[in-house]
PDB file of N, CA and C in Angstrom:
ATOM      1  N   MET A   1      -1.342  -9.705 -14.273  1.00  0.00           N
ATOM      2  CA  MET A   1      -0.013  -9.620 -13.723  1.00  0.00           C
ATOM      3  C   MET A   1       0.824  -8.757 -14.663  1.00  0.00           C
ATOM      4  N   SER A   2       1.526  -7.830 -14.075  1.00  0.00           N
ATOM      5  CA  SER A   2       2.303  -6.883 -14.859  1.00  0.00           C
ATOM      6  C   SER A   2       3.785  -7.213 -14.795  1.00  0.00           C
ATOM      7  N   GLU A   3       4.462  -6.976 -15.911  1.00  0.00           N
ATOM      8  CA  GLU A   3       5.916  -7.076 -15.910  1.00  0.00           C
ATOM      9  C   GLU A   3       6.454  -5.685 -15.629  1.00  0.00           C
ATOM     10  N   LEU A   4       7.297  -5.583 -14.615  1.00  0.00           N
ATOM     11  CA  LEU A   4       7.849  -4.307 -14.208  1.00  0.00           C
ATOM     12  C   LEU A   4       9.079  -3.964 -15.039  1.00  0.00           C
ATOM     13  N   SER A   5       9.545  -2.750 -14.885  1.00  0.00           N
ATOM     14  CA  SER A   5      10.680  -2.275 -15.670  1.00  0.00           C
ATOM     15  C   SER A   5      11.950  -3.086 -15.417  1.00  0.00           C
ATOM     16  N   ASP A   6      12.035  -3.757 -14.265  1.00  0.00           N
ATOM     17  CA  ASP A   6      13.215  -4.575 -13.974  1.00  0.00           C
ATOM     18  C   ASP A   6      13.012  -6.039 -14.363  1.00  0.00           C
ATOM     19  N   GLY A   7      11.897  -6.353 -15.035  1.00  0.00           N
ATOM     20  CA  GLY A   7      11.619  -7.711 -15.487  1.00  0.00           C
ATOM     21  C   GLY A   7      10.833  -8.554 -14.496  1.00  0.00           C
ATOM     22  N   THR A   8      10.630  -8.054 -13.297  1.00  0.00           N
ATOM     23  CA  THR A   8       9.849  -8.754 -12.281  1.00  0.00           C
ATOM     24  C   THR A   8       8.381  -8.788 -12.696  1.00  0.00           C
ATOM     25  N   ARG A   9       7.710  -9.895 -12.408  1.00  0.00           N
ATOM     26  CA  ARG A   9       6.272  -9.982 -12.648  1.00  0.00           C
ATOM     27  C   ARG A   9       5.580  -9.874 -11.299  1.00  0.00           C
ATOM     28  N   LEU A  10       4.647  -8.932 -11.207  1.00  0.00           N
ATOM     29  CA  LEU A  10       4.000  -8.644  -9.927  1.00  0.00           C
ATOM     30  C   LEU A  10       2.543  -8.269 -10.176  1.00  0.00           C
ATOM     31  N   SER A  11       1.643  -8.919  -9.446  1.00  0.00           N
ATOM     32  CA  SER A  11       0.222  -8.584  -9.552  1.00  0.00           C
ATOM     33  C   SER A  11      -0.160  -7.657  -8.409  1.00  0.00           C
ATOM     34  N   ASP A  12      -1.338  -7.073  -8.500  1.00  0.00           N
ATOM     35  CA  ASP A  12      -1.847  -6.252  -7.409  1.00  0.00           C
ATOM     36  C   ASP A  12      -1.955  -7.077  -6.129  1.00  0.00           C
ATOM     37  N   HIS A  13      -2.370  -8.316  -6.279  1.00  0.00           N
ATOM     38  CA  HIS A  13      -2.462  -9.216  -5.123  1.00  0.00           C
ATOM     39  C   HIS A  13      -1.079  -9.415  -4.493  1.00  0.00           C
ATOM     40  N   ASP A  14      -0.051  -9.562  -5.321  1.00  0.00           N
ATOM     41  CA  ASP A  14       1.310  -9.713  -4.807  1.00  0.00           C
ATOM     42  C   ASP A  14       1.728  -8.488  -3.998  1.00  0.00           C
ATOM     43  N   VAL A  15       1.332  -7.310  -4.464  1.00  0.00           N
ATOM     44  CA  VAL A  15       1.644  -6.068  -3.744  1.00  0.00           C
ATOM     45  C   VAL A  15       0.988  -6.100  -2.366  1.00  0.00           C
ATOM     46  N   ARG A  16      -0.288  -6.436  -2.315  1.00  0.00           N
ATOM     47  CA  ARG A  16      -0.985  -6.495  -1.030  1.00  0.00           C
ATOM     48  C   ARG A  16      -0.367  -7.534  -0.101  1.00  0.00           C
ATOM     49  N   THR A  17      -0.027  -8.690  -0.642  1.00  0.00           N
ATOM     50  CA  THR A  17       0.575  -9.749   0.165  1.00  0.00           C
ATOM     51  C   THR A  17       1.904  -9.298   0.759  1.00  0.00           C
ATOM     52  N   ALA A  18       2.716  -8.640  -0.039  1.00  0.00           N
ATOM     53  CA  ALA A  18       4.024  -8.172   0.432  1.00  0.00           C
ATOM     54  C   ALA A  18       3.886  -7.116   1.514  1.00  0.00           C
ATOM     55  N   LEU A  19       2.874  -6.254   1.398  1.00  0.00           N
ATOM     56  CA  LEU A  19       2.715  -5.143   2.336  1.00  0.00           C
ATOM     57  C   LEU A  19       1.928  -5.488   3.592  1.00  0.00           C
ATOM     58  N   ARG A  20       1.156  -6.574   3.550  1.00  0.00           N
ATOM     59  CA  ARG A  20       0.250  -6.909   4.662  1.00  0.00           C
ATOM     60  C   ARG A  20       0.940  -6.824   6.034  1.00  0.00           C
ATOM     61  N   PRO A  21       2.117  -7.407   6.236  1.00  0.00           N
ATOM     62  CA  PRO A  21       2.713  -7.363   7.577  1.00  0.00           C
ATOM     63  C   PRO A  21       3.314  -6.008   7.966  1.00  0.00           C
ATOM     64  N   TYR A  22       3.370  -5.087   7.025  1.00  0.00           N
ATOM     65  CA  TYR A  22       4.102  -3.842   7.262  1.00  0.00           C
ATOM     66  C   TYR A  22       3.223  -2.592   7.207  1.00  0.00           C
ATOM     67  N   GLN A  23       1.929  -2.765   7.429  1.00  0.00           N
ATOM     68  CA  GLN A  23       1.039  -1.604   7.445  1.00  0.00           C
ATOM     69  C   GLN A  23       1.475  -0.660   8.564  1.00  0.00           C
ATOM     70  N   ASP A  24       1.551   0.616   8.228  1.00  0.00           N
ATOM     71  CA  ASP A  24       2.114   1.605   9.144  1.00  0.00           C
ATOM     72  C   ASP A  24       1.151   2.724   9.499  1.00  0.00           C
ATOM     73  N   GLY A  25      -0.078   2.639   9.010  1.00  0.00           N
ATOM     74  CA  GLY A  25      -1.032   3.715   9.250  1.00  0.00           C
ATOM     75  C   GLY A  25      -0.809   4.909   8.348  1.00  0.00           C
ATOM     76  N   GLY A  26       0.157   4.825   7.458  1.00  0.00           N
ATOM     77  CA  GLY A  26       0.486   5.920   6.547  1.00  0.00           C
ATOM     78  C   GLY A  26       0.322   5.510   5.094  1.00  0.00           C
ATOM     79  N   LEU A  27       1.287   5.894   4.285  1.00  0.00           N
ATOM     80  CA  LEU A  27       1.188   5.669   2.846  1.00  0.00           C
ATOM     81  C   LEU A  27       1.319   4.201   2.462  1.00  0.00           C
ATOM     82  N   ILE A  28       2.104   3.439   3.216  1.00  0.00           N
ATOM     83  CA  ILE A  28       2.185   1.998   2.940  1.00  0.00           C
ATOM     84  C   ILE A  28       0.822   1.366   3.184  1.00  0.00           C
ATOM     85  N   SER A  29       0.156   1.760   4.258  1.00  0.00           N
ATOM     86  CA  SER A  29      -1.190   1.243   4.536  1.00  0.00           C
ATOM     87  C   SER A  29      -2.192   1.675   3.473  1.00  0.00           C
ATOM     88  N   ALA A  30      -2.067   2.902   3.004  1.00  0.00           N
ATOM     89  CA  ALA A  30      -2.983   3.380   1.956  1.00  0.00           C
ATOM     90  C   ALA A  30      -2.829   2.553   0.696  1.00  0.00           C
ATOM     91  N   LEU A  31      -1.605   2.231   0.328  1.00  0.00           N
ATOM     92  CA  LEU A  31      -1.382   1.381  -0.839  1.00  0.00           C
ATOM     93  C   LEU A  31      -1.952  -0.008  -0.578  1.00  0.00           C
ATOM     94  N   PHE A  32      -1.686  -0.567   0.582  1.00  0.00           N
ATOM     95  CA  PHE A  32      -2.208  -1.892   0.921  1.00  0.00           C
ATOM     96  C   PHE A  32      -3.736  -1.923   0.876  1.00  0.00           C
ATOM     97  N   GLU A  33      -4.372  -0.930   1.483  1.00  0.00           N
ATOM     98  CA  GLU A  33      -5.826  -0.941   1.644  1.00  0.00           C
ATOM     99  C   GLU A  33      -6.598  -0.496   0.407  1.00  0.00           C
ATOM    100  N   THR A  34      -6.055   0.440  -0.360  1.00  0.00           N
ATOM    101  CA  THR A  34      -6.836   1.046  -1.447  1.00  0.00           C
ATOM    102  C   THR A  34      -6.146   1.048  -2.807  1.00  0.00           C
ATOM    103  N   GLY A  35      -4.859   0.751  -2.852  1.00  0.00           N
ATOM    104  CA  GLY A  35      -4.121   0.821  -4.110  1.00  0.00           C
ATOM    105  C   GLY A  35      -3.660   2.224  -4.441  1.00  0.00           C
ATOM    106  N   ALA A  36      -3.953   3.186  -3.580  1.00  0.00           N
ATOM    107  CA  ALA A  36      -3.548   4.576  -3.834  1.00  0.00           C
ATOM    108  C   ALA A  36      -2.034   4.714  -3.748  1.00  0.00           C
ATOM    109  N   ILE A  37      -1.474   5.446  -4.704  1.00  0.00           N
ATOM    110  CA  ILE A  37      -0.034   5.710  -4.724  1.00  0.00           C
ATOM    111  C   ILE A  37       0.160   7.216  -4.723  1.00  0.00           C
ATOM    112  N   SER A  38       0.835   7.690  -3.685  1.00  0.00           N
ATOM    113  CA  SER A  38       1.141   9.110  -3.567  1.00  0.00           C
ATOM    114  C   SER A  38       2.645   9.301  -3.701  1.00  0.00           C
ATOM    115  N   LEU A  39       3.051   9.990  -4.756  1.00  0.00           N
ATOM    116  CA  LEU A  39       4.480  10.207  -4.994  1.00  0.00           C
ATOM    117  C   LEU A  39       4.888  11.652  -4.802  1.00  0.00           C
ATOM    118  N   GLU A  40       3.915  12.530  -4.638  1.00  0.00           N
ATOM    119  CA  GLU A  40       4.187  13.965  -4.599  1.00  0.00           C
ATOM    120  C   GLU A  40       5.241  14.327  -3.559  1.00  0.00           C
ATOM    121  N   SER A  41       5.134  13.802  -2.364  1.00  0.00           N
ATOM    122  CA  SER A  41       6.065  14.154  -1.289  1.00  0.00           C
ATOM    123  C   SER A  41       7.327  13.301  -1.313  1.00  0.00           C
ATOM    124  N   GLY A  42       7.300  12.204  -2.048  1.00  0.00           N
ATOM    125  CA  GLY A  42       8.446  11.296  -2.061  1.00  0.00           C
ATOM    126  C   GLY A  42       8.476  10.363  -0.861  1.00  0.00           C
ATOM    127  N   GLU A  43       7.475  10.486   0.022  1.00  0.00           N
ATOM    128  CA  GLU A  43       7.477   9.680   1.241  1.00  0.00           C
ATOM    129  C   GLU A  43       7.260   8.196   0.991  1.00  0.00           C
ATOM    130  N   LEU A  44       6.366   7.828   0.081  1.00  0.00           N
ATOM    131  CA  LEU A  44       6.100   6.406  -0.138  1.00  0.00           C
ATOM    132  C   LEU A  44       7.347   5.685  -0.632  1.00  0.00           C
ATOM    133  N   PRO A  45       8.031   6.178  -1.660  1.00  0.00           N
ATOM    134  CA  PRO A  45       9.270   5.500  -2.059  1.00  0.00           C
ATOM    135  C   PRO A  45      10.297   5.462  -0.923  1.00  0.00           C
ATOM    136  N   ALA A  46      10.412   6.547  -0.174  1.00  0.00           N
ATOM    137  CA  ALA A  46      11.366   6.584   0.943  1.00  0.00           C
ATOM    138  C   ALA A  46      10.978   5.575   2.019  1.00  0.00           C
ATOM    139  N   ASP A  47       9.684   5.484   2.321  1.00  0.00           N
ATOM    140  CA  ASP A  47       9.211   4.525   3.327  1.00  0.00           C
ATOM    141  C   ASP A  47       9.487   3.089   2.886  1.00  0.00           C
ATOM    142  N   LEU A  48       9.228   2.792   1.612  1.00  0.00           N
ATOM    143  CA  LEU A  48       9.468   1.443   1.102  1.00  0.00           C
ATOM    144  C   LEU A  48      10.961   1.119   1.088  1.00  0.00           C
ATOM    145  N   THR A  49      11.791   2.085   0.716  1.00  0.00           N
ATOM    146  CA  THR A  49      13.243   1.885   0.716  1.00  0.00           C
ATOM    147  C   THR A  49      13.739   1.617   2.128  1.00  0.00           C
ATOM    148  N   ALA A  50      13.278   2.413   3.086  1.00  0.00           N
ATOM    149  CA  ALA A  50      13.687   2.230   4.482  1.00  0.00           C
ATOM    150  C   ALA A  50      13.243   0.869   5.009  1.00  0.00           C
ATOM    151  N   LEU A  51      12.034   0.454   4.647  1.00  0.00           N
ATOM    152  CA  LEU A  51      11.534  -0.846   5.080  1.00  0.00           C
ATOM    153  C   LEU A  51      12.394  -1.968   4.501  1.00  0.00           C
ATOM    154  N   ALA A  52      12.694  -1.897   3.213  1.00  0.00           N
ATOM    155  CA  ALA A  52      13.527  -2.923   2.576  1.00  0.00           C
ATOM    156  C   ALA A  52      14.916  -2.966   3.217  1.00  0.00           C
ATOM    157  N   GLU A  53      15.492  -1.814   3.499  1.00  0.00           N
ATOM    158  CA  GLU A  53      16.813  -1.766   4.133  1.00  0.00           C
ATOM    159  C   GLU A  53      16.773  -2.360   5.539  1.00  0.00           C
ATOM    160  N   ARG A  54      15.705  -2.070   6.281  1.00  0.00           N
ATOM    161  CA  ARG A  54      15.557  -2.623   7.628  1.00  0.00           C
ATOM    162  C   ARG A  54      15.444  -4.142   7.578  1.00  0.00           C
ATOM    163  N   LEU A  55      14.626  -4.639   6.649  1.00  0.00           N
ATOM    164  CA  LEU A  55      14.459  -6.084   6.523  1.00  0.00           C
ATOM    165  C   LEU A  55      15.772  -6.758   6.132  1.00  0.00           C
ATOM    166  N   GLU A  56      16.503  -6.132   5.237  1.00  0.00           N
ATOM    167  CA  GLU A  56      17.803  -6.680   4.833  1.00  0.00           C
ATOM    168  C   GLU A  56      18.756  -6.719   6.029  1.00  0.00           C
ATOM    169  N   ALA A  57      18.786  -5.663   6.817  1.00  0.00           N
ATOM    170  CA  ALA A  57      19.649  -5.604   8.003  1.00  0.00           C
ATOM    171  C   ALA A  57      19.266  -6.676   9.020  1.00  0.00           C
ATOM    172  N   GLU A  58      17.988  -7.039   9.035  1.00  0.00           N
ATOM    173  CA  GLU A  58      17.500  -8.084   9.941  1.00  0.00           C
ATOM    174  C   GLU A  58      17.717  -9.486   9.373  1.00  0.00           C
ATOM    175  N   GLY A  59      18.330  -9.558   8.196  1.00  0.00           N
ATOM    176  CA  GLY A  59      18.594 -10.854   7.580  1.00  0.00           C
ATOM    177  C   GLY A  59      17.404 -11.455   6.867  1.00  0.00           C
ATOM    178  N   LYS A  60      16.403 -10.644   6.575  1.00  0.00           N
ATOM    179  CA  LYS A  60      15.180 -11.116   5.909  1.00  0.00           C
ATOM    180  C   LYS A  60      15.241 -10.727   4.428  1.00  0.00           C
ATOM    181  N   GLN A  61      16.186 -11.321   3.714  1.00  0.00           N
ATOM    182  CA  GLN A  61      16.457 -10.927   2.332  1.00  0.00           C
ATOM    183  C   GLN A  61      15.271 -11.161   1.399  1.00  0.00           C
ATOM    184  N   ASP A  62      14.575 -12.280   1.556  1.00  0.00           N
ATOM    185  CA  ASP A  62      13.426 -12.552   0.682  1.00  0.00           C
ATOM    186  C   ASP A  62      12.343 -11.487   0.853  1.00  0.00           C
ATOM    187  N   GLU A  63      12.075 -11.113   2.105  1.00  0.00           N
ATOM    188  CA  GLU A  63      11.074 -10.076   2.352  1.00  0.00           C
ATOM    189  C   GLU A  63      11.547  -8.724   1.810  1.00  0.00           C
ATOM    190  N   ALA A  64      12.829  -8.434   1.992  1.00  0.00           N
ATOM    191  CA  ALA A  64      13.392  -7.182   1.468  1.00  0.00           C
ATOM    192  C   ALA A  64      13.260  -7.140  -0.050  1.00  0.00           C
ATOM    193  N   ASP A  65      13.502  -8.265  -0.701  1.00  0.00           N
ATOM    194  CA  ASP A  65      13.374  -8.331  -2.167  1.00  0.00           C
ATOM    195  C   ASP A  65      11.933  -8.087  -2.599  1.00  0.00           C
ATOM    196  N   ARG A  66      10.969  -8.619  -1.839  1.00  0.00           N
ATOM    197  CA  ARG A  66       9.555  -8.388  -2.167  1.00  0.00           C
ATOM    198  C   ARG A  66       9.201  -6.906  -2.033  1.00  0.00           C
ATOM    199  N   ILE A  67       9.708  -6.258  -0.998  1.00  0.00           N
ATOM    200  CA  ILE A  67       9.436  -4.833  -0.826  1.00  0.00           C
ATOM    201  C   ILE A  67      10.138  -4.029  -1.927  1.00  0.00           C
ATOM    202  N   ASP A  68      11.330  -4.432  -2.319  1.00  0.00           N
ATOM    203  CA  ASP A  68      12.004  -3.773  -3.451  1.00  0.00           C
ATOM    204  C   ASP A  68      11.171  -3.896  -4.724  1.00  0.00           C
ATOM    205  N   ALA A  69      10.547  -5.065  -4.926  1.00  0.00           N
ATOM    206  CA  ALA A  69       9.685  -5.251  -6.094  1.00  0.00           C
ATOM    207  C   ALA A  69       8.466  -4.330  -6.011  1.00  0.00           C
ATOM    208  N   VAL A  70       7.921  -4.159  -4.811  1.00  0.00           N
ATOM    209  CA  VAL A  70       6.797  -3.234  -4.627  1.00  0.00           C
ATOM    210  C   VAL A  70       7.246  -1.806  -4.940  1.00  0.00           C
ATOM    211  N   LEU A  71       8.441  -1.435  -4.525  1.00  0.00           N
ATOM    212  CA  LEU A  71       8.970  -0.106  -4.834  1.00  0.00           C
ATOM    213  C   LEU A  71       9.066   0.099  -6.344  1.00  0.00           C
ATOM    214  N   THR A  72       9.547  -0.892  -7.057  1.00  0.00           N
ATOM    215  CA  THR A  72       9.607  -0.798  -8.524  1.00  0.00           C
ATOM    216  C   THR A  72       8.199  -0.659  -9.093  1.00  0.00           C
ATOM    217  N   TYR A  73       7.255  -1.428  -8.581  1.00  0.00           N
ATOM    218  CA  TYR A  73       5.852  -1.349  -9.000  1.00  0.00           C
ATOM    219  C   TYR A  73       5.336   0.073  -8.815  1.00  0.00           C
ATOM    220  N   VAL A  74       5.563   0.641  -7.628  1.00  0.00           N
ATOM    221  CA  VAL A  74       5.088   1.982  -7.310  1.00  0.00           C
ATOM    222  C   VAL A  74       5.675   2.999  -8.297  1.00  0.00           C
ATOM    223  N   CYS A  75       6.965   2.899  -8.550  1.00  0.00           N
ATOM    224  CA  CYS A  75       7.614   3.846  -9.470  1.00  0.00           C
ATOM    225  C   CYS A  75       7.132   3.656 -10.900  1.00  0.00           C
ATOM    226  N   ASP A  76       6.902   2.409 -11.314  1.00  0.00           N
ATOM    227  CA  ASP A  76       6.416   2.136 -12.667  1.00  0.00           C
ATOM    228  C   ASP A  76       4.975   2.615 -12.859  1.00  0.00           C
ATOM    229  N   VAL A  77       4.124   2.359 -11.874  1.00  0.00           N
ATOM    230  CA  VAL A  77       2.707   2.724 -11.977  1.00  0.00           C
ATOM    231  C   VAL A  77       2.534   4.234 -11.855  1.00  0.00           C
ATOM    232  N   GLY A  78       3.236   4.826 -10.914  1.00  0.00           N
ATOM    233  CA  GLY A  78       3.146   6.266 -10.714  1.00  0.00           C
ATOM    234  C   GLY A  78       1.974   6.652  -9.833  1.00  0.00           C
ATOM    235  N   GLU A  79       1.837   7.939  -9.663  1.00  0.00           N
ATOM    236  CA  GLU A  79       0.790   8.519  -8.813  1.00  0.00           C
ATOM    237  C   GLU A  79      -0.590   8.089  -9.303  1.00  0.00           C
ATOM    238  N   ARG A  80      -1.441   7.683  -8.352  1.00  0.00           N
ATOM    239  CA  ARG A  80      -2.824   7.340  -8.712  1.00  0.00           C
ATOM    240  C   ARG A  80      -3.698   7.401  -7.471  1.00  0.00           C
ATOM    241  N   PRO A  81      -4.996   7.638  -7.676  1.00  0.00           N
ATOM    242  CA  PRO A  81      -5.943   7.618  -6.549  1.00  0.00           C
ATOM    243  C   PRO A  81      -6.258   6.169  -6.174  1.00  0.00           C
ATOM    244  N   ALA A  82      -7.128   6.001  -5.202  1.00  0.00           N
ATOM    245  CA  ALA A  82      -7.582   4.669  -4.820  1.00  0.00           C
ATOM    246  C   ALA A  82      -8.129   3.936  -6.048  1.00  0.00           C
ATOM    247  N   VAL A  83      -7.942   2.627  -6.059  1.00  0.00           N
ATOM    248  CA  VAL A  83      -8.339   1.787  -7.191  1.00  0.00           C
ATOM    249  C   VAL A  83      -9.624   1.048  -6.843  1.00  0.00           C
ATOM    250  N   ALA A  84     -10.620   1.155  -7.715  1.00  0.00           N
ATOM    251  CA  ALA A  84     -11.885   0.440  -7.502  1.00  0.00           C
ATOM    252  C   ALA A  84     -11.630  -1.059  -7.412  1.00  0.00           C
ATOM    253  N   ASN A  85     -12.262  -1.715  -6.464  1.00  0.00           N
ATOM    254  CA  ASN A  85     -12.144  -3.167  -6.267  1.00  0.00           C
ATOM    255  C   ASN A  85     -10.728  -3.627  -5.972  1.00  0.00           C
ATOM    256  N   TRP A  86      -9.897  -2.758  -5.436  1.00  0.00           N
ATOM    257  CA  TRP A  86      -8.487  -3.083  -5.182  1.00  0.00           C
ATOM    258  C   TRP A  86      -8.339  -4.388  -4.394  1.00  0.00           C
ATOM    259  N   VAL A  87      -9.124  -4.569  -3.364  1.00  0.00           N
ATOM    260  CA  VAL A  87      -8.965  -5.761  -2.519  1.00  0.00           C
ATOM    261  C   VAL A  87      -9.412  -7.036  -3.207  1.00  0.00           C
ATOM    262  N   ASN A  88     -10.128  -6.936  -4.308  1.00  0.00           N
ATOM    263  CA  ASN A  88     -10.585  -8.128  -5.025  1.00  0.00           C
ATOM    264  C   ASN A  88      -9.769  -8.442  -6.264  1.00  0.00           C
ATOM    265  N   ARG A  89      -8.835  -7.575  -6.600  1.00  0.00           N
ATOM    266  CA  ARG A  89      -8.022  -7.792  -7.810  1.00  0.00           C
ATOM    267  C   ARG A  89      -6.982  -8.865  -7.526  1.00  0.00           C
ATOM    268  N   THR A  90      -6.840  -9.827  -8.431  1.00  0.00           N
ATOM    269  CA  THR A  90      -5.916 -10.922  -8.176  1.00  0.00           C
ATOM    270  C   THR A  90      -4.787 -11.010  -9.184  1.00  0.00           C
ATOM    271  N   ASP A  91      -5.048 -10.779 -10.455  1.00  0.00           N
ATOM    272  CA  ASP A  91      -4.020 -11.046 -11.450  1.00  0.00           C
ATOM    273  C   ASP A  91      -3.682  -9.838 -12.313  1.00  0.00           C
ATOM    274  N   VAL A  92      -4.021  -8.668 -11.871  1.00  0.00           N
ATOM    275  CA  VAL A  92      -3.762  -7.466 -12.660  1.00  0.00           C
ATOM    276  C   VAL A  92      -2.428  -6.892 -12.260  1.00  0.00           C
TER     277      VAL A  92
END
């Protein structure tokens, strides 16, 4: 489990759990399925921000906070290819 730059503690499993209901067939799904983070286009952070804002507007503050934590995770970790054993990682 990693401590993020904002003090939040988040594991890879937590990232997958937060993203599971919001797979979009795009970069959010790629992160959910493989752990890959693509920052080159700026789309993944923008997609996560838009998702968090939508959830907040829908009154789902806890879910929005989880997606915000995933956004911090993505920015802290940075660009990376798919992660070996991503779906089996629990406490990293």
